[in-house]
Each structure stands twice: as C-alpha cells, then as structure tokens.
Amino acid sequence: MEKLALFGGTPVREGGFAPWPQYDEREKEYLLKALESRRWGGYPYPSPLSLEFGRRFAEYHGAKYCLPAANGTVTLEIALHAAGLKAGDEVIVPAITFAATAAAAVRQNGVPVFVDIEERNYCMDPDAFEAAITPKTKAVIPVHLGASIADMDRIMEIAKKHNLIVIEDCAHAHGAQWKGQGVGSIGDLGSFSFQSSKLMTSGEGGCITTNDDILRQKVMSLINCGRKGPGYDGYEGQLFTGNYRLSELQIAVLMGQMDRLDEVTKARAEMHDYFKKVLHSEVKGLTVLETDPRTTRKSAYQTIMKYNSEAFAGVHRDRFLEALEKEGVELDGEFYTPLYHEPIMNALSDEYPALRDRYGEGILFNKDISCPVAEKMSYEQGIWMHYSYLSGTKKDVEDIVAAIAKVQRLASDLR
C-alpha cells in the first residue's frame, strides 16, 4: 500500500539534484590568467577584466554600458545615488522582493513605498505603482521575479508621465529579454547580482547597466571611492561614496560564466517549459505562472507556482511542502514575504530620520500597510522551485512531478 515518506513510506527521490554553482575549464583558465597577472584587486580602476566583462555583458543585454561592482545590494544604492536621490525622496518598490530592493532607498536616506503585485506574475502591479505616486516620488524599482519580467511597457509609460527614474532590479533575470530588448537596458539603470545563488555567480558581486553616459560616469566614480578619472570625469561636482570595486579574481569567474550564459539560459528556459508541461498534465491545482508573451528570452531563475489547497484535500501549502520534502524534493513557500513583515527590514527612524513621516518609529512599526495579493501569495499560494532543479536532466524534472503527484494522491492523509 502506497504511503507518504512523511509517515514511513519510500521516498520518490533519493539523492540530490544538479550541483551548484556550476563551472568548467573556462573559469579555471580565466582564474589562472588573473592569478598569474598579479593584478588581483580592482585597483587601479577600471581594471582590464572589468572593462572586458562590462563590454560583453552590456552587449548581450542590449545596453551601452555595464559596470561591475562589489555586490547586488550596493549596485541598487549606487544606482539611486547616481540618479540623484535626495533625503526624503520616495522610491516605489514591490512588496515582494529581497530586502535589498527597499533597503537601498533607506541607505540613501530615501523612503521606500511598498505596492502590491499582480496576480498573474507576482511582479509589481502598474496600477498600484501609479496610485502610490506623490510629489515626493523620485524613482521606481520594478523587480523581474522568478521567471517573469515586470510589465515594462506600462511601468515606463507611467514613469515617463511623472518624470520618474526607473531602476530595474534584475537580480533574477540575467539574460532575459522583453520584446527583444535585454532587461537592464529598458529603464534608466539596471542592477544585477552575482551572489552565489544567482544565475551568474562569482560568489559575491554585481553590476549596473545603463545607456546614459553621464550616469555611467557617475556610477564609475561611485564605485571607485568618488574619484574622477579619465573617461569618467565629465560631470559637475564631486560625489561622496566608498570603495565598491569588484576584484579581478571575481571577474575572472564571471568571464567563464559569460562564455556559457547564452547556452545555459536557453537550456533552463526549455527545461522550465518541460516542467510546466509535465506538471500540468499530471497534477491539478498547482500551476506554473504564465510567461508574458512579450518575454522574448526567459531567464528561469525560480519557477513560481500557485497552489490551490482545494485540489490537495484542503491541506495548507506548508503542510504539503513538508510532505514533499520527505519525498526528496525541497521547494519553498515563504521564499519572500511582504517586506513590511520581514525582520531584516527593521529600519528605524532614529537611524534613518527620513522614514519618520511615513513610518513613525520605523518600517516594521507601521501596521497600516496592506498588499493583499502579496500576502496571499506569501502565506497561502506561492511555491518556489530553485533554478538548480532545472540545471539537470528531464528525469530530475519528472521525479519532481512524480513526488508532487504522490503527495496529491495521498493528501487526505495529511489532514
């Protein structure tokens, strides 16, 4: 008699999935060259590899410029700084994203304003964005989430109407395209992360893309301690900042990642489509978010699904995930929760006084924020599957679906 592994049955899957990060001889070759060059850091700036990597990454994403930096958190801060954010300026962000998206505004003495997400793709709701605009609004940071791209047509239209800076948060979206245009090249600036869990990784790292030459120069200066140098001294004034350079050793790893970006992006997109096809044929009530037809190249960082408890004998999502993990497949429920609930968003007005008018003592102290779609997704509906599950074989994907189907068949046992 079939029994859930949670109750002593045999798991569907034993053993892991594809290892991450992935590398081959290309990373080794670039690293050895950087090692032997004896130029390991990012100074003097710009370093030779940063220029070469920036050129290649920008070209692949359809941007004029790409500037590597220390990580994907400071890239957001630098983008806001370069865009001219002043103390008290408001920055509109989606409620569902990593804390860095909103924290960047706080760290620049701005005020993040949280708005709800769309039901169809869990990205920023353009209507909610427009409704949140005030005379204090300076910028908006749409986030391309999972395998979805925010509605850049509407967001750019609204931003242009209100003269707002658009900074794309592309931490999930290396290689993605919207209507043939690479993400990070649609808004005024784009921010990418190369942290160890990202599609391209050097352990830590990030980069900023832009098509504007003055923004490029300011970003370069902000990365390099506020210095002005040949090729990035054509703007007025002096910027105050710190050292956010990326080392040659890290960029060497990224060069290897860049060599295979097109190949692995296509492979993951194909596997994402295969998973969706198999899942929807075998399981009811767990659906992969639809890909917007304007997405012309999908990056598939996370496969996000929507869970309907009625199709699983009324069992709560978290109980379903507990049983699934015992079958050898570990997926996430609360991968992201609304930022105004996140403990790491404990930004206090005593430390960041610009927050006080909107948030009182601090962001987590304001109980009036409500983003119903984001909250339902976080605590009831959303299920996240990491991209490494798409980096293996079709058999891996089939095992995942088999485990989900088994838990569904025996869902009544979980009550």
Protein backbone atom coordinates (compact mmCIF):
# COMPACT_ATOMS: atom_id res chain seq x y z
CA MET A 1 0.00 0.00 0.00
CA GLU A 2 1.38 3.39 -1.03
CA LYS A 3 2.41 5.55 1.90
CA LEU A 4 3.85 9.06 2.18
CA ALA A 5 7.51 9.18 3.16
CA LEU A 6 6.44 11.52 5.96
CA PHE A 7 4.73 8.52 7.53
CA GLY A 8 7.40 5.93 6.79
CA GLY A 9 6.85 5.23 3.09
CA THR A 10 9.58 5.06 0.44
CA PRO A 11 10.58 8.50 -0.94
CA VAL A 12 10.09 9.14 -4.63
CA ARG A 13 13.56 10.63 -4.92
CA GLU A 14 16.70 9.71 -3.03
CA GLY A 15 19.90 11.61 -3.74
CA GLY A 16 20.43 15.20 -4.77
CA PHE A 17 19.94 17.20 -7.91
CA ALA A 18 22.42 19.09 -10.10
CA PRO A 19 25.19 20.71 -8.03
CA TRP A 20 25.51 24.49 -7.80
CA PRO A 21 27.46 26.59 -8.62
CA GLN A 22 28.44 25.03 -11.92
CA TYR A 23 31.83 25.58 -13.54
CA ASP A 24 34.21 24.04 -16.05
CA GLU A 25 37.65 24.61 -17.55
CA ARG A 26 36.71 28.13 -18.68
CA GLU A 27 36.58 29.52 -15.15
CA LYS A 28 39.85 27.77 -14.35
CA GLU A 29 41.59 29.31 -17.35
CA TYR A 30 40.41 32.84 -16.61
CA LEU A 31 41.31 32.47 -12.92
CA LEU A 32 44.81 31.23 -13.73
CA LYS A 33 45.40 34.17 -16.09
CA ALA A 34 44.23 36.61 -13.42
CA LEU A 35 46.39 34.89 -10.82
CA GLU A 36 49.48 34.98 -12.99
CA SER A 37 48.86 38.64 -13.90
CA ARG A 38 49.43 39.50 -10.21
CA ARG A 39 46.68 42.06 -10.56
CA TRP A 40 44.07 40.56 -8.27
CA GLY A 41 42.12 43.57 -6.99
CA GLY A 42 40.02 46.16 -8.77
CA TYR A 43 42.55 49.00 -8.45
CA PRO A 44 43.86 50.83 -10.45
CA TYR A 45 40.33 51.38 -11.71
CA PRO A 46 38.88 50.45 -14.13
CA SER A 47 40.70 47.14 -14.29
CA PRO A 48 41.26 45.40 -17.64
CA LEU A 49 38.91 42.48 -16.95
CA SER A 50 36.16 44.74 -15.63
CA LEU A 51 36.23 46.63 -18.92
CA GLU A 52 36.14 43.45 -20.98
CA PHE A 53 33.42 41.80 -18.94
CA GLY A 54 31.38 45.02 -18.87
CA ARG A 55 31.56 45.29 -22.65
CA ARG A 56 30.39 41.71 -23.17
CA PHE A 57 27.63 41.77 -20.56
CA ALA A 58 26.28 45.10 -21.86
CA GLU A 59 26.28 43.85 -25.44
CA TYR A 60 24.37 40.69 -24.51
CA HIS A 61 21.70 42.74 -22.71
CA GLY A 62 21.43 45.47 -25.33
CA ALA A 63 22.83 48.17 -23.06
CA LYS A 64 25.57 50.66 -23.88
CA TYR A 65 27.40 50.28 -20.59
CA CYS A 66 27.89 47.76 -17.78
CA LEU A 67 29.93 48.50 -14.64
CA PRO A 68 30.82 45.61 -12.27
CA ALA A 69 30.64 46.35 -8.54
CA ALA A 70 31.04 44.64 -5.17
CA ASN A 71 27.56 43.08 -4.89
CA GLY A 72 23.96 43.36 -5.99
CA THR A 73 22.95 45.37 -2.93
CA VAL A 74 25.37 48.25 -3.40
CA THR A 75 24.53 48.32 -7.11
CA LEU A 76 20.99 49.39 -6.18
CA GLU A 77 22.34 52.01 -3.76
CA ILE A 78 24.79 53.32 -6.36
CA ALA A 79 22.04 53.47 -8.99
CA LEU A 80 19.85 55.59 -6.71
CA HIS A 81 22.80 57.79 -5.75
CA ALA A 82 23.78 58.32 -9.40
CA ALA A 83 20.14 59.11 -10.25
CA GLY A 84 20.18 61.98 -7.74
CA LEU A 85 18.08 60.62 -4.87
CA LYS A 86 17.91 63.16 -2.03
CA ALA A 87 16.95 62.76 1.62
CA GLY A 88 13.21 62.21 1.95
CA ASP A 89 12.63 61.26 -1.69
CA GLU A 90 10.27 58.34 -2.15
CA VAL A 91 11.14 55.20 -4.08
CA ILE A 92 8.31 52.86 -5.06
CA VAL A 93 9.12 49.15 -4.75
CA PRO A 94 7.05 45.94 -4.92
CA ALA A 95 6.15 44.32 -1.61
CA ILE A 96 7.59 41.00 -2.85
CA THR A 97 11.34 41.10 -3.42
CA PHE A 98 14.53 40.68 -1.44
CA ALA A 99 15.11 43.29 1.28
CA ALA A 100 17.95 44.95 -0.67
CA THR A 101 15.47 46.49 -3.12
CA ALA A 102 13.88 48.62 -0.41
CA ALA A 103 16.93 48.85 1.86
CA ALA A 104 18.84 50.61 -0.92
CA ALA A 105 16.40 53.53 -0.69
CA VAL A 106 16.73 53.63 3.11
CA ARG A 107 20.53 53.56 2.96
CA GLN A 108 20.44 56.55 0.61
CA ASN A 109 18.21 58.47 3.07
CA GLY A 110 15.17 57.88 0.89
CA VAL A 111 11.80 56.36 1.78
CA PRO A 112 10.65 53.07 0.24
CA VAL A 113 6.96 52.88 -0.61
CA PHE A 114 5.57 49.34 -0.87
CA VAL A 115 3.00 48.46 -3.51
CA ASP A 116 1.15 45.27 -4.36
CA ILE A 117 1.94 42.75 -7.07
CA GLU A 118 -0.02 41.37 -10.00
CA GLU A 119 -1.84 38.08 -9.51
CA ARG A 120 -0.69 36.80 -12.92
CA ASN A 121 3.08 37.11 -12.48
CA TYR A 122 3.77 38.32 -8.90
CA CYS A 123 5.67 41.35 -10.25
CA MET A 124 4.86 44.98 -9.43
CA ASP A 125 1.27 45.95 -10.24
CA PRO A 126 1.49 49.01 -12.54
CA ASP A 127 -1.87 50.32 -11.29
CA ALA A 128 -0.68 50.12 -7.68
CA PHE A 129 2.55 51.85 -8.71
CA GLU A 130 0.71 54.73 -10.32
CA ALA A 131 -1.68 55.10 -7.37
CA ALA A 132 1.28 55.40 -4.97
CA ILE A 133 2.94 58.34 -6.73
CA THR A 134 3.15 61.56 -4.70
CA PRO A 135 5.03 64.85 -5.17
CA LYS A 136 7.88 63.25 -3.19
CA THR A 137 8.28 60.27 -5.56
CA LYS A 138 11.66 60.25 -7.28
CA ALA A 139 12.11 56.70 -8.58
CA VAL A 140 10.57 53.28 -9.06
CA ILE A 141 12.33 49.90 -8.84
CA PRO A 142 10.40 47.20 -10.71
CA VAL A 143 11.68 43.69 -9.92
CA HIS A 144 11.84 40.91 -12.50
CA LEU A 145 10.82 37.97 -10.35
CA GLY A 146 11.43 34.25 -10.74
CA ALA A 147 10.95 33.64 -14.45
CA SER A 148 8.76 36.72 -15.02
CA ILE A 149 9.51 40.22 -16.25
CA ALA A 150 7.58 43.15 -14.81
CA ASP A 151 5.24 44.94 -17.24
CA MET A 152 7.89 47.35 -18.52
CA ASP A 153 5.57 48.85 -21.13
CA ARG A 154 3.17 50.19 -18.51
CA ILE A 155 5.85 50.99 -15.96
CA MET A 156 7.90 53.03 -18.43
CA GLU A 157 4.77 54.82 -19.65
CA ILE A 158 3.76 55.79 -16.10
CA ALA A 159 7.30 56.77 -15.13
CA LYS A 160 7.71 58.99 -18.18
CA LYS A 161 4.38 60.68 -17.46
CA HIS A 162 5.53 61.55 -13.92
CA ASN A 163 9.21 62.17 -14.73
CA LEU A 164 10.48 59.33 -12.54
CA ILE A 165 13.76 57.43 -12.64
CA VAL A 166 13.35 53.71 -13.44
CA ILE A 167 15.86 51.27 -11.95
CA GLU A 168 15.29 47.66 -12.99
CA ASP A 169 16.13 45.09 -10.32
CA CYS A 170 17.42 42.24 -12.49
CA ALA A 171 18.90 40.06 -9.74
CA HIS A 172 16.78 37.12 -11.02
CA ALA A 173 16.91 37.91 -14.71
CA HIS A 174 20.38 37.55 -16.26
CA GLY A 175 19.93 37.18 -20.00
CA ALA A 176 16.19 37.84 -20.11
CA GLN A 177 14.62 39.91 -22.88
CA TRP A 178 11.41 41.91 -23.10
CA LYS A 179 10.19 42.46 -26.69
CA GLY A 180 13.72 41.77 -27.94
CA GLN A 181 15.35 44.20 -25.51
CA GLY A 182 17.53 42.94 -22.68
CA VAL A 183 16.41 43.62 -19.13
CA GLY A 184 18.53 46.29 -17.50
CA SER A 185 18.55 48.32 -20.72
CA ILE A 186 14.89 49.37 -20.66
CA GLY A 187 14.89 51.68 -17.62
CA ASP A 188 17.42 54.38 -16.79
CA LEU A 189 19.59 51.88 -14.92
CA GLY A 190 19.66 48.15 -14.25
CA SER A 191 21.03 46.29 -11.24
CA PHE A 192 22.24 42.68 -11.38
CA SER A 193 23.54 40.39 -8.64
CA PHE A 194 26.29 37.77 -8.92
CA GLN A 195 25.80 36.40 -5.40
CA SER A 196 26.31 32.65 -5.02
CA SER A 197 22.64 31.70 -5.53
CA LYS A 198 22.21 33.70 -8.74
CA LEU A 199 22.11 32.51 -12.36
CA MET A 200 25.55 34.02 -12.95
CA THR A 201 27.79 33.98 -9.91
CA SER A 202 31.24 34.89 -8.71
CA GLY A 203 30.35 34.13 -5.09
CA GLU A 204 29.69 37.81 -4.48
CA GLY A 205 29.38 40.64 -6.97
CA GLY A 206 27.01 42.71 -9.05
CA CYS A 207 26.85 45.16 -11.93
CA ILE A 208 24.97 48.22 -13.13
CA THR A 209 23.79 48.75 -16.70
CA THR A 210 22.77 52.00 -18.34
CA ASN A 211 22.50 53.71 -21.73
CA ASP A 212 23.21 57.18 -20.35
CA ASP A 213 26.82 58.38 -20.48
CA ILE A 214 26.58 60.79 -17.54
CA LEU A 215 25.01 58.08 -15.39
CA ARG A 216 27.83 55.76 -16.49
CA GLN A 217 30.44 58.26 -15.35
CA LYS A 218 28.76 58.85 -12.01
CA VAL A 219 28.41 55.10 -11.41
CA MET A 220 32.12 54.59 -12.14
CA SER A 221 33.04 57.33 -9.70
CA LEU A 222 30.69 55.95 -7.04
CA ILE A 223 32.27 52.50 -7.42
CA ASN A 224 35.77 53.97 -7.12
CA CYS A 225 35.66 55.94 -3.84
CA GLY A 226 34.28 59.08 -5.51
CA ARG A 227 37.38 59.55 -7.64
CA LYS A 228 37.19 61.08 -11.07
CA GLY A 229 39.39 59.54 -13.72
CA PRO A 230 39.96 59.67 -17.48
CA GLY A 231 36.70 58.78 -19.18
CA TYR A 232 34.53 59.38 -16.12
CA ASP A 233 35.25 62.97 -15.14
CA GLY A 234 32.80 64.73 -17.45
CA TYR A 235 30.13 65.60 -14.90
CA GLU A 236 29.94 68.53 -12.49
CA GLY A 237 30.73 68.30 -8.80
CA GLN A 238 32.28 65.62 -6.62
CA LEU A 239 30.47 62.54 -5.32
CA PHE A 240 30.86 61.15 -1.80
CA THR A 241 30.93 57.36 -1.56
CA GLY A 242 33.14 54.35 -0.70
CA ASN A 243 35.05 51.51 -2.34
CA TYR A 244 32.73 49.17 -4.23
CA ARG A 245 35.15 47.75 -6.79
CA LEU A 246 34.99 44.09 -7.82
CA SER A 247 38.26 42.16 -7.87
CA GLU A 248 39.89 40.74 -10.99
CA LEU A 249 39.65 37.25 -9.47
CA GLN A 250 35.88 37.51 -9.16
CA ILE A 251 35.55 38.95 -12.64
CA ALA A 252 37.65 36.07 -13.96
CA VAL A 253 34.98 33.68 -12.69
CA LEU A 254 32.31 35.83 -14.32
CA MET A 255 34.14 35.69 -17.65
CA GLY A 256 33.69 31.90 -17.62
CA GLN A 257 30.03 32.37 -16.68
CA MET A 258 29.64 34.86 -19.53
CA ASP A 259 31.02 32.35 -22.01
CA ARG A 260 28.13 29.97 -21.29
CA LEU A 261 25.34 32.45 -20.50
CA ASP A 262 23.51 32.07 -23.80
CA GLU A 263 23.76 28.28 -23.71
CA VAL A 264 22.52 27.82 -20.15
CA THR A 265 19.79 30.47 -20.48
CA LYS A 266 18.26 28.60 -23.40
CA ALA A 267 18.63 25.23 -21.68
CA ARG A 268 16.93 26.44 -18.48
CA ALA A 269 14.07 28.01 -20.45
CA GLU A 270 13.50 24.73 -22.28
CA MET A 271 13.56 22.79 -19.00
CA HIS A 272 11.16 25.32 -17.43
CA ASP A 273 8.73 24.72 -20.30
CA TYR A 274 9.13 20.95 -19.98
CA PHE A 275 8.46 21.04 -16.25
CA LYS A 276 5.35 23.11 -16.81
CA LYS A 277 4.08 20.71 -19.48
CA VAL A 278 4.64 17.60 -17.35
CA LEU A 279 3.28 19.20 -14.16
CA HIS A 280 0.09 20.44 -15.77
CA SER A 281 -0.53 17.05 -17.38
CA GLU A 282 -0.09 15.12 -14.11
CA VAL A 283 -1.25 17.48 -11.36
CA LYS A 284 -4.29 19.68 -10.91
CA GLY A 285 -4.32 22.68 -8.61
CA LEU A 286 -0.61 23.53 -8.83
CA THR A 287 0.07 25.80 -11.79
CA VAL A 288 3.22 27.48 -13.08
CA LEU A 289 2.82 31.21 -13.57
CA GLU A 290 2.21 32.09 -17.20
CA THR A 291 5.04 33.63 -19.21
CA ASP A 292 4.08 37.03 -20.62
CA PRO A 293 4.11 36.75 -24.45
CA ARG A 294 6.23 39.91 -24.57
CA THR A 295 9.06 37.93 -22.94
CA THR A 296 11.30 37.03 -25.88
CA ARG A 297 14.04 35.36 -23.81
CA LYS A 298 13.22 33.75 -20.47
CA SER A 299 15.82 33.51 -17.71
CA ALA A 300 14.03 31.00 -15.38
CA TYR A 301 15.77 31.78 -12.08
CA GLN A 302 12.87 30.46 -10.00
CA THR A 303 9.86 28.50 -11.21
CA ILE A 304 6.99 30.05 -9.26
CA MET A 305 3.77 28.09 -8.89
CA LYS A 306 0.34 28.86 -7.50
CA TYR A 307 -1.08 26.36 -5.01
CA ASN A 308 -4.81 25.66 -4.69
CA SER A 309 -5.45 23.85 -1.40
CA GLU A 310 -8.84 22.57 -2.59
CA ALA A 311 -7.02 20.31 -5.07
CA PHE A 312 -4.99 18.87 -2.17
CA ALA A 313 -7.81 17.85 0.18
CA GLY A 314 -7.82 21.28 1.82
CA VAL A 315 -4.26 20.82 3.13
CA HIS A 316 -2.37 24.06 3.75
CA ARG A 317 0.52 24.77 1.41
CA ASP A 318 3.11 24.50 4.16
CA ARG A 319 1.91 21.03 5.18
CA PHE A 320 2.06 19.97 1.52
CA LEU A 321 5.66 21.24 1.30
CA GLU A 322 6.59 19.36 4.47
CA ALA A 323 5.39 16.10 2.93
CA LEU A 324 7.05 16.88 -0.40
CA GLU A 325 10.43 17.45 1.26
CA LYS A 326 10.28 13.94 2.74
CA GLU A 327 9.75 12.63 -0.80
CA GLY A 328 13.14 14.11 -1.72
CA VAL A 329 12.01 17.40 -3.29
CA GLU A 330 12.54 20.59 -1.29
CA LEU A 331 10.59 23.59 -2.55
CA ASP A 332 9.97 26.94 -0.82
CA GLY A 333 6.76 28.56 0.34
CA GLU A 334 7.75 31.74 2.15
CA PHE A 335 10.78 32.34 -0.09
CA TYR A 336 9.82 36.01 0.03
CA THR A 337 7.24 37.55 2.33
CA PRO A 338 6.00 41.16 2.18
CA LEU A 339 8.95 43.38 3.06
CA TYR A 340 6.93 45.26 5.66
CA HIS A 341 6.75 41.94 7.57
CA GLU A 342 10.41 40.97 7.12
CA PRO A 343 12.55 41.21 10.31
CA ILE A 344 15.60 42.28 8.29
CA MET A 345 13.67 45.40 7.20
CA ASN A 346 13.94 46.73 10.75
CA ALA A 347 14.94 50.22 9.59
CA LEU A 348 14.43 52.64 12.48
CA SER A 349 13.66 56.34 12.23
CA ASP A 350 16.21 57.12 14.94
CA GLU A 351 18.86 55.93 12.48
CA TYR A 352 17.16 57.00 9.23
CA PRO A 353 15.08 60.10 10.08
CA ALA A 354 13.59 60.44 6.59
CA LEU A 355 11.39 57.44 7.45
CA ARG A 356 9.59 59.08 10.34
CA ASP A 357 6.82 60.93 8.49
CA ARG A 358 5.59 57.78 6.75
CA TYR A 359 6.57 55.02 9.17
CA GLY A 360 6.70 56.55 12.65
CA GLU A 361 9.34 54.68 14.70
CA GLY A 362 10.31 52.52 11.74
CA ILE A 363 9.10 50.42 8.83
CA LEU A 364 8.09 47.38 10.89
CA PHE A 365 6.13 49.58 13.32
CA ASN A 366 3.66 50.75 10.68
CA LYS A 367 0.67 48.38 10.74
CA ASP A 368 -1.37 50.20 8.10
CA ILE A 369 0.44 48.79 5.05
CA SER A 370 -1.63 46.22 3.17
CA CYS A 371 -0.81 44.44 -0.07
CA PRO A 372 -3.45 41.66 -0.26
CA VAL A 373 -2.11 39.84 -3.33
CA ALA A 374 1.42 39.80 -1.90
CA GLU A 375 0.18 38.48 1.44
CA LYS A 376 -1.94 35.73 -0.08
CA MET A 377 0.93 34.67 -2.33
CA SER A 378 3.40 34.62 0.56
CA TYR A 379 1.38 32.74 3.14
CA GLU A 380 -1.01 30.56 1.12
CA GLN A 381 -0.40 30.30 -2.63
CA GLY A 382 3.17 30.77 -3.73
CA ILE A 383 5.58 27.86 -4.23
CA TRP A 384 9.12 28.43 -5.48
CA MET A 385 11.42 25.95 -7.22
CA HIS A 386 15.06 26.99 -7.50
CA TYR A 387 16.77 27.03 -10.90
CA SER A 388 19.30 24.33 -9.97
CA TYR A 389 16.42 21.84 -10.33
CA LEU A 390 16.26 22.93 -13.98
CA SER A 391 20.02 22.52 -14.49
CA GLY A 392 19.98 18.72 -14.59
CA THR A 393 18.06 16.19 -16.67
CA LYS A 394 14.48 15.61 -17.73
CA LYS A 395 14.45 12.67 -15.33
CA ASP A 396 15.04 15.14 -12.48
CA VAL A 397 12.01 17.14 -13.57
CA GLU A 398 9.89 14.02 -13.95
CA ASP A 399 10.84 12.90 -10.43
CA ILE A 400 9.79 16.27 -9.04
CA VAL A 401 6.39 15.98 -10.70
CA ALA A 402 6.05 12.35 -9.55
CA ALA A 403 6.68 13.44 -5.96
CA ILE A 404 4.11 16.23 -6.23
CA ALA A 405 1.57 13.83 -7.75
CA LYS A 406 2.15 11.29 -4.97
CA VAL A 407 1.54 13.87 -2.25
CA GLN A 408 -1.60 14.99 -4.04
CA ARG A 409 -2.92 11.40 -4.24
CA LEU A 410 -2.39 10.93 -0.53
CA ALA A 411 -3.16 14.49 0.56
CA SER A 412 -6.09 13.41 2.73
CA ASP A 413 -3.60 11.56 4.97
CA LEU A 414 -2.03 14.93 5.83
CA ARG A 415 -5.17 16.27 7.48
